[in-house]
Protein backbone atom coordinates (compact mmCIF):
# COMPACT_ATOMS: atom_id res chain seq x y z
CA MET A 1 12.91 -40.58 -27.69
CA ALA A 2 10.17 -38.75 -29.19
CA MET A 3 10.37 -37.63 -32.77
CA LEU A 4 8.54 -35.44 -35.44
CA VAL A 5 7.75 -36.84 -38.71
CA ARG A 6 6.82 -34.47 -41.55
CA PHE A 7 5.49 -35.62 -44.96
CA GLU A 8 4.88 -33.23 -47.87
CA PRO A 9 3.36 -35.27 -50.70
CA THR A 10 3.09 -33.92 -54.17
CA ASN A 11 -0.39 -35.17 -54.88
CA MET A 12 -2.38 -35.79 -51.81
CA ASP A 13 -5.74 -33.79 -51.81
CA ALA A 14 -8.42 -33.67 -49.23
CA LYS A 15 -10.26 -36.53 -51.00
CA ALA A 16 -7.37 -38.92 -51.00
CA TYR A 17 -6.33 -37.96 -47.20
CA ALA A 18 -9.98 -38.89 -46.34
CA GLU A 19 -9.61 -42.20 -47.88
CA VAL A 20 -6.23 -43.11 -46.15
CA LEU A 21 -7.84 -42.22 -42.90
CA ARG A 22 -10.94 -44.61 -43.68
CA ARG A 23 -8.63 -47.26 -44.91
CA LEU A 24 -6.50 -46.97 -41.90
CA GLU A 25 -9.36 -47.10 -39.40
CA SER A 26 -10.60 -50.14 -41.22
CA ARG A 27 -7.52 -51.88 -40.33
CA GLY A 28 -7.74 -50.96 -36.76
CA MET A 29 -4.94 -48.25 -37.37
CA GLY A 30 -6.78 -44.90 -36.99
CA THR A 31 -5.11 -44.55 -33.55
CA PRO A 32 -2.05 -46.49 -33.82
CA PRO A 33 0.25 -47.42 -30.96
CA GLY A 34 2.90 -44.87 -30.17
CA ARG A 35 1.50 -42.04 -32.26
CA ILE A 36 1.20 -38.88 -30.00
CA HIS A 37 -0.11 -36.40 -32.29
CA HIS A 38 -1.15 -36.05 -36.04
CA ALA A 39 -2.24 -33.12 -37.84
CA SER A 40 -2.70 -32.31 -41.49
CA TYR A 41 -2.20 -28.80 -42.93
CA GLY A 42 -2.06 -26.92 -46.07
CA ASP A 43 -4.51 -26.25 -49.13
CA ALA A 44 -7.30 -28.88 -49.68
CA ASP A 45 -5.58 -29.85 -53.10
CA ALA A 46 -2.13 -30.15 -51.56
CA LEU A 47 -2.19 -31.60 -47.94
CA HIS A 48 0.89 -32.10 -45.94
CA VAL A 49 0.95 -34.21 -42.58
CA VAL A 50 3.07 -34.04 -39.30
CA ASP A 51 3.21 -36.72 -36.55
CA ILE A 52 4.83 -37.08 -33.17
CA TRP A 53 5.79 -40.64 -32.57
CA ASP A 54 7.16 -42.18 -29.33
CA THR A 55 9.79 -44.35 -30.92
CA PRO A 56 11.16 -45.17 -34.34
CA GLU A 57 10.03 -48.67 -34.09
CA ASN A 58 6.36 -47.61 -33.70
CA PHE A 59 6.59 -45.29 -36.60
CA GLY A 60 8.04 -48.16 -38.58
CA ARG A 61 5.26 -50.44 -37.70
CA PHE A 62 2.69 -47.86 -38.81
CA GLY A 63 4.51 -47.27 -42.04
CA GLU A 64 4.13 -51.02 -42.89
CA GLN A 65 0.43 -50.60 -43.01
CA LEU A 66 0.35 -47.13 -44.36
CA MET A 67 2.75 -47.59 -47.52
CA PRO A 68 0.61 -50.14 -49.09
CA ILE A 69 -2.65 -47.98 -48.78
CA LEU A 70 -0.69 -44.74 -50.19
CA ALA A 71 0.63 -47.06 -53.21
CA GLU A 72 -2.87 -48.39 -53.86
CA LEU A 73 -4.20 -44.65 -54.10
CA GLY A 74 -1.16 -43.37 -55.90
CA VAL A 75 -0.19 -40.83 -53.42
CA GLN A 76 3.53 -39.91 -53.86
CA LEU A 77 4.61 -39.45 -50.21
CA GLY A 78 8.15 -38.71 -50.78
CA ALA A 79 10.89 -39.11 -48.05
CA PRO A 80 9.95 -37.99 -44.70
CA ILE A 81 11.64 -35.15 -42.68
CA ILE A 82 12.44 -36.65 -39.21
CA ARG A 83 13.69 -34.71 -36.33
CA ALA A 84 14.35 -35.87 -32.72
CA LEU A 85 12.26 -33.86 -30.25
CA HIS A 86 13.52 -32.13 -27.35
CA ASN A 87 10.34 -31.69 -25.33
CA VAL A 88 6.61 -32.46 -25.90
CA ILE A 89 3.96 -30.84 -23.76
CA ARG A 90 0.45 -32.56 -24.09
CA GLY A 91 -2.38 -30.35 -23.97
CA GLY A 92 -4.99 -30.71 -21.19
């Protein structure tokens, strides 16, 4: 079942976010298996992210790559807000 995952880190600015993306891309995880959608939002000095994943297992595998990067950068991610999705409509 698809799921929405939202993170509201307390200290992720646009520079740290760009570095996270760069490091994920360098590890071949820029577009990880199972992630349906990704967006970042908020002020440039306090970004949040929201993802839609196809399964908890794929989200977990991605987390294994993501968490060490965040730790290296000192980003305090906090607990994710996870919700099961009733429906996902993909844009054309």
